[in-house]
Amino acid sequence: MDLVEAHILVLDYLLSNDSINMKFNLGTGKGTSVLELIDYFEKANNIEVPYIFGDRRKGDKKILVADNSSFKSFFNWEPRRTITQMCSDGWKWKLSNY
C-alpha cells in the first residue's frame, strides 16, 4: 500500500504540473536480507517458505538498499507499513487473485 500511495502522489503531481523527468527510489530506506525477509514472511503468514542456498549470480551486489530520501523530501512522504504488514498484505493479495 505504501507503493500504491507513493505512485498516486506522483500521478497527482503530474496531472497538476508540467511533465518533467523524475527518478526516485521507493522503499523503506532500511536494508533487509533475503533470509530476514523469508523469516518475516513465514511469521506473518504462518507458513513455511522452501528455499535453497545457491551461488551468487554474476553482477549481484552484496548489499543494496533503496535510498528513498529524495522522494520523501520532494513529496513529504514516509512509508507507514512494517515489513510484516507488507508480507501479510502481499500474501492475502496472492491468495485472493490466483
PDB file of N, CA and C in Angstrom:
ATOM      1  N   MET A   1       0.818  -1.199   0.000  1.00  0.00           N
ATOM      2  CA  MET A   1       0.000   0.000   0.000  1.00  0.00           C
ATOM      3  C   MET A   1       0.860   1.261   0.000  1.00  0.00           C
ATOM      4  N   ASP A   2       2.033   1.193   0.649  1.00  0.00           N
ATOM      5  CA  ASP A   2       2.922   2.353   0.612  1.00  0.00           C
ATOM      6  C   ASP A   2       3.312   2.687  -0.827  1.00  0.00           C
ATOM      7  N   LEU A   3       3.611   1.659  -1.622  1.00  0.00           N
ATOM      8  CA  LEU A   3       3.977   1.897  -3.018  1.00  0.00           C
ATOM      9  C   LEU A   3       2.803   2.465  -3.814  1.00  0.00           C
ATOM     10  N   VAL A   4       1.622   1.952  -3.555  1.00  0.00           N
ATOM     11  CA  VAL A   4       0.424   2.466  -4.236  1.00  0.00           C
ATOM     12  C   VAL A   4       0.235   3.943  -3.900  1.00  0.00           C
ATOM     13  N   GLU A   5       0.319   4.279  -2.630  1.00  0.00           N
ATOM     14  CA  GLU A   5       0.136   5.673  -2.218  1.00  0.00           C
ATOM     15  C   GLU A   5       1.210   6.578  -2.817  1.00  0.00           C
ATOM     16  N   ALA A   6       2.438   6.080  -2.898  1.00  0.00           N
ATOM     17  CA  ALA A   6       3.517   6.874  -3.489  1.00  0.00           C
ATOM     18  C   ALA A   6       3.261   7.109  -4.977  1.00  0.00           C
ATOM     19  N   HIS A   7       2.809   6.088  -5.675  1.00  0.00           N
ATOM     20  CA  HIS A   7       2.509   6.243  -7.099  1.00  0.00           C
ATOM     21  C   HIS A   7       1.339   7.209  -7.325  1.00  0.00           C
ATOM     22  N   ILE A   8       0.375   7.186  -6.449  1.00  0.00           N
ATOM     23  CA  ILE A   8      -0.746   8.128  -6.558  1.00  0.00           C
ATOM     24  C   ILE A   8      -0.251   9.564  -6.349  1.00  0.00           C
ATOM     25  N   LEU A   9       0.657   9.768  -5.416  1.00  0.00           N
ATOM     26  CA  LEU A   9       1.245  11.098  -5.220  1.00  0.00           C
ATOM     27  C   LEU A   9       1.902  11.593  -6.502  1.00  0.00           C
ATOM     28  N   VAL A  10       2.655  10.713  -7.153  1.00  0.00           N
ATOM     29  CA  VAL A  10       3.336  11.091  -8.397  1.00  0.00           C
ATOM     30  C   VAL A  10       2.316  11.400  -9.487  1.00  0.00           C
ATOM     31  N   LEU A  11       1.311  10.554  -9.620  1.00  0.00           N
ATOM     32  CA  LEU A  11       0.284  10.777 -10.641  1.00  0.00           C
ATOM     33  C   LEU A  11      -0.442  12.100 -10.410  1.00  0.00           C
ATOM     34  N   ASP A  12      -0.830  12.368  -9.182  1.00  0.00           N
ATOM     35  CA  ASP A  12      -1.482  13.644  -8.861  1.00  0.00           C
ATOM     36  C   ASP A  12      -0.579  14.822  -9.206  1.00  0.00           C
ATOM     37  N   TYR A  13       0.715  14.686  -8.890  1.00  0.00           N
ATOM     38  CA  TYR A  13       1.664  15.752  -9.199  1.00  0.00           C
ATOM     39  C   TYR A  13       1.736  15.983 -10.709  1.00  0.00           C
ATOM     40  N   LEU A  14       1.852  14.894 -11.467  1.00  0.00           N
ATOM     41  CA  LEU A  14       1.980  15.017 -12.922  1.00  0.00           C
ATOM     42  C   LEU A  14       0.717  15.558 -13.573  1.00  0.00           C
ATOM     43  N   LEU A  15      -0.431  15.256 -12.997  1.00  0.00           N
ATOM     44  CA  LEU A  15      -1.691  15.756 -13.551  1.00  0.00           C
ATOM     45  C   LEU A  15      -1.891  17.250 -13.309  1.00  0.00           C
ATOM     46  N   SER A  16      -1.219  17.803 -12.310  1.00  0.00           N
ATOM     47  CA  SER A  16      -1.417  19.214 -11.994  1.00  0.00           C
ATOM     48  C   SER A  16      -0.171  20.075 -12.244  1.00  0.00           C
ATOM     49  N   ASN A  17       0.866  19.503 -12.847  1.00  0.00           N
ATOM     50  CA  ASN A  17       2.095  20.240 -13.140  1.00  0.00           C
ATOM     51  C   ASN A  17       2.586  19.862 -14.529  1.00  0.00           C
ATOM     52  N   ASP A  18       3.472  20.684 -15.054  1.00  0.00           N
ATOM     53  CA  ASP A  18       4.100  20.326 -16.324  1.00  0.00           C
ATOM     54  C   ASP A  18       4.880  19.032 -16.150  1.00  0.00           C
ATOM     55  N   SER A  19       4.835  18.216 -17.168  1.00  0.00           N
ATOM     56  CA  SER A  19       5.528  16.933 -17.126  1.00  0.00           C
ATOM     57  C   SER A  19       7.038  17.146 -17.067  1.00  0.00           C
ATOM     58  N   ILE A  20       7.680  16.464 -16.141  1.00  0.00           N
ATOM     59  CA  ILE A  20       9.133  16.519 -16.028  1.00  0.00           C
ATOM     60  C   ILE A  20       9.649  15.094 -15.839  1.00  0.00           C
ATOM     61  N   ASN A  21      10.912  14.904 -16.112  1.00  0.00           N
ATOM     62  CA  ASN A  21      11.540  13.611 -15.928  1.00  0.00           C
ATOM     63  C   ASN A  21      12.039  13.516 -14.481  1.00  0.00           C
ATOM     64  N   MET A  22      11.477  12.601 -13.727  1.00  0.00           N
ATOM     65  CA  MET A  22      11.859  12.432 -12.326  1.00  0.00           C
ATOM     66  C   MET A  22      12.310  10.990 -12.106  1.00  0.00           C
ATOM     67  N   LYS A  23      13.318  10.806 -11.292  1.00  0.00           N
ATOM     68  CA  LYS A  23      13.769   9.470 -10.930  1.00  0.00           C
ATOM     69  C   LYS A  23      13.867   9.397  -9.412  1.00  0.00           C
ATOM     70  N   PHE A  24      13.165   8.437  -8.845  1.00  0.00           N
ATOM     71  CA  PHE A  24      13.160   8.263  -7.400  1.00  0.00           C
ATOM     72  C   PHE A  24      13.284   6.782  -7.064  1.00  0.00           C
ATOM     73  N   ASN A  25      13.835   6.501  -5.917  1.00  0.00           N
ATOM     74  CA  ASN A  25      13.802   5.164  -5.349  1.00  0.00           C
ATOM     75  C   ASN A  25      12.686   5.122  -4.318  1.00  0.00           C
ATOM     76  N   LEU A  26      11.961   4.017  -4.297  1.00  0.00           N
ATOM     77  CA  LEU A  26      10.934   3.824  -3.281  1.00  0.00           C
ATOM     78  C   LEU A  26      11.281   2.586  -2.471  1.00  0.00           C
ATOM     79  N   GLY A  27      11.070   2.657  -1.211  1.00  0.00           N
ATOM     80  CA  GLY A  27      11.330   1.551  -0.304  1.00  0.00           C
ATOM     81  C   GLY A  27      11.286   2.074   1.110  1.00  0.00           C
ATOM     82  N   THR A  28      11.641   1.227   2.027  1.00  0.00           N
ATOM     83  CA  THR A  28      11.627   1.643   3.425  1.00  0.00           C
ATOM     84  C   THR A  28      12.857   2.448   3.790  1.00  0.00           C
ATOM     85  N   GLY A  29      13.902   2.339   2.983  1.00  0.00           N
ATOM     86  CA  GLY A  29      15.162   3.008   3.306  1.00  0.00           C
ATOM     87  C   GLY A  29      15.993   2.211   4.295  1.00  0.00           C
ATOM     88  N   LYS A  30      15.516   1.027   4.655  1.00  0.00           N
ATOM     89  CA  LYS A  30      16.229   0.158   5.593  1.00  0.00           C
ATOM     90  C   LYS A  30      16.534  -1.157   4.894  1.00  0.00           C
ATOM     91  N   GLY A  31      17.715  -1.661   5.067  1.00  0.00           N
ATOM     92  CA  GLY A  31      18.098  -2.916   4.440  1.00  0.00           C
ATOM     93  C   GLY A  31      17.470  -4.127   5.119  1.00  0.00           C
ATOM     94  N   THR A  32      17.115  -5.113   4.320  1.00  0.00           N
ATOM     95  CA  THR A  32      16.579  -6.379   4.807  1.00  0.00           C
ATOM     96  C   THR A  32      17.211  -7.487   3.979  1.00  0.00           C
ATOM     97  N   SER A  33      17.821  -8.451   4.633  1.00  0.00           N
ATOM     98  CA  SER A  33      18.421  -9.557   3.892  1.00  0.00           C
ATOM     99  C   SER A  33      17.329 -10.491   3.387  1.00  0.00           C
ATOM    100  N   VAL A  34      17.670 -11.329   2.431  1.00  0.00           N
ATOM    101  CA  VAL A  34      16.712 -12.295   1.894  1.00  0.00           C
ATOM    102  C   VAL A  34      16.244 -13.228   3.005  1.00  0.00           C
ATOM    103  N   LEU A  35      17.167 -13.696   3.837  1.00  0.00           N
ATOM    104  CA  LEU A  35      16.777 -14.593   4.930  1.00  0.00           C
ATOM    105  C   LEU A  35      15.885 -13.891   5.949  1.00  0.00           C
ATOM    106  N   GLU A  36      16.162 -12.629   6.230  1.00  0.00           N
ATOM    107  CA  GLU A  36      15.282 -11.871   7.131  1.00  0.00           C
ATOM    108  C   GLU A  36      13.883 -11.747   6.530  1.00  0.00           C
ATOM    109  N   LEU A  37      13.809 -11.472   5.235  1.00  0.00           N
ATOM    110  CA  LEU A  37      12.516 -11.333   4.577  1.00  0.00           C
ATOM    111  C   LEU A  37      11.741 -12.651   4.605  1.00  0.00           C
ATOM    112  N   ILE A  38      12.420 -13.758   4.371  1.00  0.00           N
ATOM    113  CA  ILE A  38      11.763 -15.061   4.459  1.00  0.00           C
ATOM    114  C   ILE A  38      11.212 -15.273   5.863  1.00  0.00           C
ATOM    115  N   ASP A  39      11.990 -14.921   6.869  1.00  0.00           N
ATOM    116  CA  ASP A  39      11.542 -15.066   8.262  1.00  0.00           C
ATOM    117  C   ASP A  39      10.315 -14.200   8.543  1.00  0.00           C
ATOM    118  N   TYR A  40      10.354 -12.944   8.117  1.00  0.00           N
ATOM    119  CA  TYR A  40       9.185 -12.059   8.281  1.00  0.00           C
ATOM    120  C   TYR A  40       7.958 -12.662   7.603  1.00  0.00           C
ATOM    121  N   PHE A  41       8.143 -13.135   6.360  1.00  0.00           N
ATOM    122  CA  PHE A  41       7.034 -13.672   5.585  1.00  0.00           C
ATOM    123  C   PHE A  41       6.433 -14.907   6.251  1.00  0.00           C
ATOM    124  N   GLU A  42       7.292 -15.802   6.709  1.00  0.00           N
ATOM    125  CA  GLU A  42       6.813 -17.020   7.361  1.00  0.00           C
ATOM    126  C   GLU A  42       6.019 -16.704   8.625  1.00  0.00           C
ATOM    127  N   LYS A  43       6.537 -15.796   9.429  1.00  0.00           N
ATOM    128  CA  LYS A  43       5.849 -15.436  10.676  1.00  0.00           C
ATOM    129  C   LYS A  43       4.548 -14.686  10.421  1.00  0.00           C
ATOM    130  N   ALA A  44       4.548 -13.802   9.440  1.00  0.00           N
ATOM    131  CA  ALA A  44       3.345 -13.011   9.150  1.00  0.00           C
ATOM    132  C   ALA A  44       2.209 -13.871   8.622  1.00  0.00           C
ATOM    133  N   ASN A  45       2.557 -14.941   7.907  1.00  0.00           N
ATOM    134  CA  ASN A  45       1.538 -15.734   7.226  1.00  0.00           C
ATOM    135  C   ASN A  45       1.405 -17.155   7.762  1.00  0.00           C
ATOM    136  N   ASN A  46       2.172 -17.456   8.798  1.00  0.00           N
ATOM    137  CA  ASN A  46       2.124 -18.770   9.426  1.00  0.00           C
ATOM    138  C   ASN A  46       2.299 -19.898   8.397  1.00  0.00           C
ATOM    139  N   ILE A  47       3.296 -19.724   7.521  1.00  0.00           N
ATOM    140  CA  ILE A  47       3.616 -20.740   6.527  1.00  0.00           C
ATOM    141  C   ILE A  47       5.123 -20.938   6.479  1.00  0.00           C
ATOM    142  N   GLU A  48       5.539 -22.031   5.854  1.00  0.00           N
ATOM    143  CA  GLU A  48       6.961 -22.284   5.663  1.00  0.00           C
ATOM    144  C   GLU A  48       7.304 -22.032   4.202  1.00  0.00           C
ATOM    145  N   VAL A  49       8.354 -21.278   3.979  1.00  0.00           N
ATOM    146  CA  VAL A  49       8.802 -20.972   2.628  1.00  0.00           C
ATOM    147  C   VAL A  49      10.011 -21.858   2.316  1.00  0.00           C
ATOM    148  N   PRO A  50       9.872 -22.757   1.346  1.00  0.00           N
ATOM    149  CA  PRO A  50      11.023 -23.594   0.997  1.00  0.00           C
ATOM    150  C   PRO A  50      12.070 -22.768   0.244  1.00  0.00           C
ATOM    151  N   TYR A  51      13.322 -22.978   0.554  1.00  0.00           N
ATOM    152  CA  TYR A  51      14.389 -22.270  -0.153  1.00  0.00           C
ATOM    153  C   TYR A  51      15.664 -23.102  -0.103  1.00  0.00           C
ATOM    154  N   ILE A  52      16.552 -22.803  -1.022  1.00  0.00           N
ATOM    155  CA  ILE A  52      17.871 -23.421  -1.046  1.00  0.00           C
ATOM    156  C   ILE A  52      18.903 -22.305  -1.205  1.00  0.00           C
ATOM    157  N   PHE A  53      20.099 -22.567  -0.732  1.00  0.00           N
ATOM    158  CA  PHE A  53      21.191 -21.619  -0.914  1.00  0.00           C
ATOM    159  C   PHE A  53      21.878 -21.932  -2.234  1.00  0.00           C
ATOM    160  N   GLY A  54      22.127 -20.918  -3.009  1.00  0.00           N
ATOM    161  CA  GLY A  54      22.828 -21.087  -4.274  1.00  0.00           C
ATOM    162  C   GLY A  54      23.956 -20.085  -4.375  1.00  0.00           C
ATOM    163  N   ASP A  55      24.731 -20.223  -5.414  1.00  0.00           N
ATOM    164  CA  ASP A  55      25.822 -19.282  -5.641  1.00  0.00           C
ATOM    165  C   ASP A  55      25.264 -17.927  -6.054  1.00  0.00           C
ATOM    166  N   ARG A  56      25.973 -16.896  -5.682  1.00  0.00           N
ATOM    167  CA  ARG A  56      25.602 -15.555  -6.111  1.00  0.00           C
ATOM    168  C   ARG A  56      25.762 -15.474  -7.628  1.00  0.00           C
ATOM    169  N   ARG A  57      24.799 -14.836  -8.275  1.00  0.00           N
ATOM    170  CA  ARG A  57      24.875 -14.670  -9.720  1.00  0.00           C
ATOM    171  C   ARG A  57      25.893 -13.588 -10.066  1.00  0.00           C
ATOM    172  N   LYS A  58      26.501 -13.708 -11.214  1.00  0.00           N
ATOM    173  CA  LYS A  58      27.456 -12.705 -11.672  1.00  0.00           C
ATOM    174  C   LYS A  58      26.762 -11.349 -11.720  1.00  0.00           C
ATOM    175  N   GLY A  59      27.359 -10.346 -11.119  1.00  0.00           N
ATOM    176  CA  GLY A  59      26.798  -8.997 -11.122  1.00  0.00           C
ATOM    177  C   GLY A  59      25.926  -8.678  -9.926  1.00  0.00           C
ATOM    178  N   ASP A  60      25.537  -9.703  -9.139  1.00  0.00           N
ATOM    179  CA  ASP A  60      24.729  -9.446  -7.941  1.00  0.00           C
ATOM    180  C   ASP A  60      25.529  -8.641  -6.928  1.00  0.00           C
ATOM    181  N   LYS A  61      24.896  -7.639  -6.372  1.00  0.00           N
ATOM    182  CA  LYS A  61      25.525  -6.831  -5.337  1.00  0.00           C
ATOM    183  C   LYS A  61      25.411  -7.540  -3.996  1.00  0.00           C
ATOM    184  N   LYS A  62      26.404  -7.334  -3.161  1.00  0.00           N
ATOM    185  CA  LYS A  62      26.385  -7.928  -1.821  1.00  0.00           C
ATOM    186  C   LYS A  62      25.313  -7.269  -0.965  1.00  0.00           C
ATOM    187  N   ILE A  63      25.211  -5.938  -1.074  1.00  0.00           N
ATOM    188  CA  ILE A  63      24.221  -5.171  -0.316  1.00  0.00           C
ATOM    189  C   ILE A  63      23.627  -4.112  -1.249  1.00  0.00           C
ATOM    190  N   LEU A  64      22.305  -3.961  -1.184  1.00  0.00           N
ATOM    191  CA  LEU A  64      21.627  -2.949  -1.983  1.00  0.00           C
ATOM    192  C   LEU A  64      20.422  -2.452  -1.196  1.00  0.00           C
ATOM    193  N   VAL A  65      20.390  -1.159  -0.908  1.00  0.00           N
ATOM    194  CA  VAL A  65      19.291  -0.568  -0.139  1.00  0.00           C
ATOM    195  C   VAL A  65      18.781   0.648  -0.905  1.00  0.00           C
ATOM    196  N   ALA A  66      17.472   0.716  -1.098  1.00  0.00           N
ATOM    197  CA  ALA A  66      16.877   1.859  -1.794  1.00  0.00           C
ATOM    198  C   ALA A  66      17.005   3.113  -0.929  1.00  0.00           C
ATOM    199  N   ASP A  67      17.571   4.158  -1.505  1.00  0.00           N
ATOM    200  CA  ASP A  67      17.662   5.444  -0.814  1.00  0.00           C
ATOM    201  C   ASP A  67      16.434   6.265  -1.215  1.00  0.00           C
ATOM    202  N   ASN A  68      15.459   6.316  -0.331  1.00  0.00           N
ATOM    203  CA  ASN A  68      14.200   6.996  -0.637  1.00  0.00           C
ATOM    204  C   ASN A  68      14.189   8.457  -0.186  1.00  0.00           C
ATOM    205  N   SER A  69      15.323   9.004   0.209  1.00  0.00           N
ATOM    206  CA  SER A  69      15.358  10.349   0.802  1.00  0.00           C
ATOM    207  C   SER A  69      14.876  11.439  -0.152  1.00  0.00           C
ATOM    208  N   SER A  70      15.199  11.346  -1.451  1.00  0.00           N
ATOM    209  CA  SER A  70      14.759  12.411  -2.368  1.00  0.00           C
ATOM    210  C   SER A  70      13.239  12.360  -2.575  1.00  0.00           C
ATOM    211  N   PHE A  71      12.666  11.148  -2.637  1.00  0.00           N
ATOM    212  CA  PHE A  71      11.210  11.042  -2.773  1.00  0.00           C
ATOM    213  C   PHE A  71      10.529  11.548  -1.507  1.00  0.00           C
ATOM    214  N   LYS A  72      11.056  11.163  -0.350  1.00  0.00           N
ATOM    215  CA  LYS A  72      10.490  11.611   0.930  1.00  0.00           C
ATOM    216  C   LYS A  72      10.489  13.134   1.005  1.00  0.00           C
ATOM    217  N   SER A  73      11.585  13.740   0.593  1.00  0.00           N
ATOM    218  CA  SER A  73      11.711  15.189   0.658  1.00  0.00           C
ATOM    219  C   SER A  73      10.795  15.891  -0.353  1.00  0.00           C
ATOM    220  N   PHE A  74      10.784  15.417  -1.584  1.00  0.00           N
ATOM    221  CA  PHE A  74      10.008  16.063  -2.648  1.00  0.00           C
ATOM    222  C   PHE A  74       8.509  15.972  -2.392  1.00  0.00           C
ATOM    223  N   PHE A  75       8.049  14.810  -1.923  1.00  0.00           N
ATOM    224  CA  PHE A  75       6.612  14.589  -1.751  1.00  0.00           C
ATOM    225  C   PHE A  75       6.148  14.596  -0.294  1.00  0.00           C
ATOM    226  N   ASN A  76       7.077  14.857   0.632  1.00  0.00           N
ATOM    227  CA  ASN A  76       6.735  14.825   2.052  1.00  0.00           C
ATOM    228  C   ASN A  76       6.044  13.498   2.404  1.00  0.00           C
ATOM    229  N   TRP A  77       6.686  12.409   2.043  1.00  0.00           N
ATOM    230  CA  TRP A  77       6.128  11.063   2.146  1.00  0.00           C
ATOM    231  C   TRP A  77       6.989  10.216   3.077  1.00  0.00           C
ATOM    232  N   GLU A  78       6.353   9.342   3.771  1.00  0.00           N
ATOM    233  CA  GLU A  78       7.044   8.360   4.624  1.00  0.00           C
ATOM    234  C   GLU A  78       6.362   7.011   4.445  1.00  0.00           C
ATOM    235  N   PRO A  79       7.126   5.941   4.314  1.00  0.00           N
ATOM    236  CA  PRO A  79       6.481   4.629   4.336  1.00  0.00           C
ATOM    237  C   PRO A  79       5.894   4.402   5.722  1.00  0.00           C
ATOM    238  N   ARG A  80       4.670   3.872   5.770  1.00  0.00           N
ATOM    239  CA  ARG A  80       3.980   3.729   7.054  1.00  0.00           C
ATOM    240  C   ARG A  80       3.826   2.279   7.505  1.00  0.00           C
ATOM    241  N   ARG A  81       3.954   1.347   6.584  1.00  0.00           N
ATOM    242  CA  ARG A  81       3.734  -0.052   6.947  1.00  0.00           C
ATOM    243  C   ARG A  81       5.040  -0.737   7.336  1.00  0.00           C
ATOM    244  N   THR A  82       4.908  -1.760   8.154  1.00  0.00           N
ATOM    245  CA  THR A  82       6.076  -2.557   8.535  1.00  0.00           C
ATOM    246  C   THR A  82       6.291  -3.644   7.490  1.00  0.00           C
ATOM    247  N   ILE A  83       7.449  -4.239   7.520  1.00  0.00           N
ATOM    248  CA  ILE A  83       7.716  -5.351   6.608  1.00  0.00           C
ATOM    249  C   ILE A  83       6.742  -6.498   6.882  1.00  0.00           C
ATOM    250  N   THR A  84       6.407  -6.718   8.128  1.00  0.00           N
ATOM    251  CA  THR A  84       5.445  -7.768   8.473  1.00  0.00           C
ATOM    252  C   THR A  84       4.091  -7.489   7.822  1.00  0.00           C
ATOM    253  N   GLN A  85       3.629  -6.232   7.881  1.00  0.00           N
ATOM    254  CA  GLN A  85       2.365  -5.871   7.228  1.00  0.00           C
ATOM    255  C   GLN A  85       2.452  -6.076   5.718  1.00  0.00           C
ATOM    256  N   MET A  86       3.583  -5.707   5.125  1.00  0.00           N
ATOM    257  CA  MET A  86       3.755  -5.874   3.685  1.00  0.00           C
ATOM    258  C   MET A  86       3.686  -7.347   3.302  1.00  0.00           C
ATOM    259  N   CYS A  87       4.325  -8.200   4.085  1.00  0.00           N
ATOM    260  CA  CYS A  87       4.307  -9.637   3.799  1.00  0.00           C
ATOM    261  C   CYS A  87       2.892 -10.197   3.927  1.00  0.00           C
ATOM    262  N   SER A  88       2.176  -9.773   4.927  1.00  0.00           N
ATOM    263  CA  SER A  88       0.800 -10.230   5.132  1.00  0.00           C
ATOM    264  C   SER A  88      -0.113  -9.744   4.004  1.00  0.00           C
ATOM    265  N   ASP A  89      -0.026  -8.466   3.667  1.00  0.00           N
ATOM    266  CA  ASP A  89      -0.860  -7.906   2.601  1.00  0.00           C
ATOM    267  C   ASP A  89      -0.559  -8.557   1.256  1.00  0.00           C
ATOM    268  N   GLY A  90       0.713  -8.763   0.965  1.00  0.00           N
ATOM    269  CA  GLY A  90       1.099  -9.382  -0.300  1.00  0.00           C
ATOM    270  C   GLY A  90       0.571 -10.799  -0.428  1.00  0.00           C
ATOM    271  N   TRP A  91       0.631 -11.569   0.657  1.00  0.00           N
ATOM    272  CA  TRP A  91       0.144 -12.950   0.638  1.00  0.00           C
ATOM    273  C   TRP A  91      -1.382 -12.989   0.512  1.00  0.00           C
ATOM    274  N   LYS A  92      -2.068 -12.083   1.205  1.00  0.00           N
ATOM    275  CA  LYS A  92      -3.525 -12.011   1.072  1.00  0.00           C
ATOM    276  C   LYS A  92      -3.923 -11.704  -0.366  1.00  0.00           C
ATOM    277  N   TRP A  93      -3.205 -10.775  -1.006  1.00  0.00           N
ATOM    278  CA  TRP A  93      -3.489 -10.427  -2.386  1.00  0.00           C
ATOM    279  C   TRP A  93      -3.261 -11.642  -3.275  1.00  0.00           C
ATOM    280  N   LYS A  94      -2.147 -12.321  -3.082  1.00  0.00           N
ATOM    281  CA  LYS A  94      -1.825 -13.508  -3.892  1.00  0.00           C
ATOM    282  C   LYS A  94      -2.918 -14.563  -3.763  1.00  0.00           C
ATOM    283  N   LEU A  95      -3.358 -14.831  -2.537  1.00  0.00           N
ATOM    284  CA  LEU A  95      -4.367 -15.861  -2.321  1.00  0.00           C
ATOM    285  C   LEU A  95      -5.716 -15.485  -2.935  1.00  0.00           C
ATOM    286  N   SER A  96      -6.034 -14.215  -2.975  1.00  0.00           N
ATOM    287  CA  SER A  96      -7.343 -13.807  -3.496  1.00  0.00           C
ATOM    288  C   SER A  96      -7.328 -13.545  -5.002  1.00  0.00           C
ATOM    289  N   ASN A  97      -6.164 -13.581  -5.624  1.00  0.00           N
ATOM    290  CA  ASN A  97      -6.063 -13.278  -7.056  1.00  0.00           C
ATOM    291  C   ASN A  97      -5.508 -14.422  -7.907  1.00  0.00           C
ATOM    292  N   TYR A  98      -5.250 -15.552  -7.309  1.00  0.00           N
ATOM    293  CA  TYR A  98      -4.756 -16.716  -8.085  1.00  0.00           C
ATOM    294  C   TYR A  98      -5.437 -17.975  -7.675  1.00  0.00           C
TER     295      TYR A  98
END
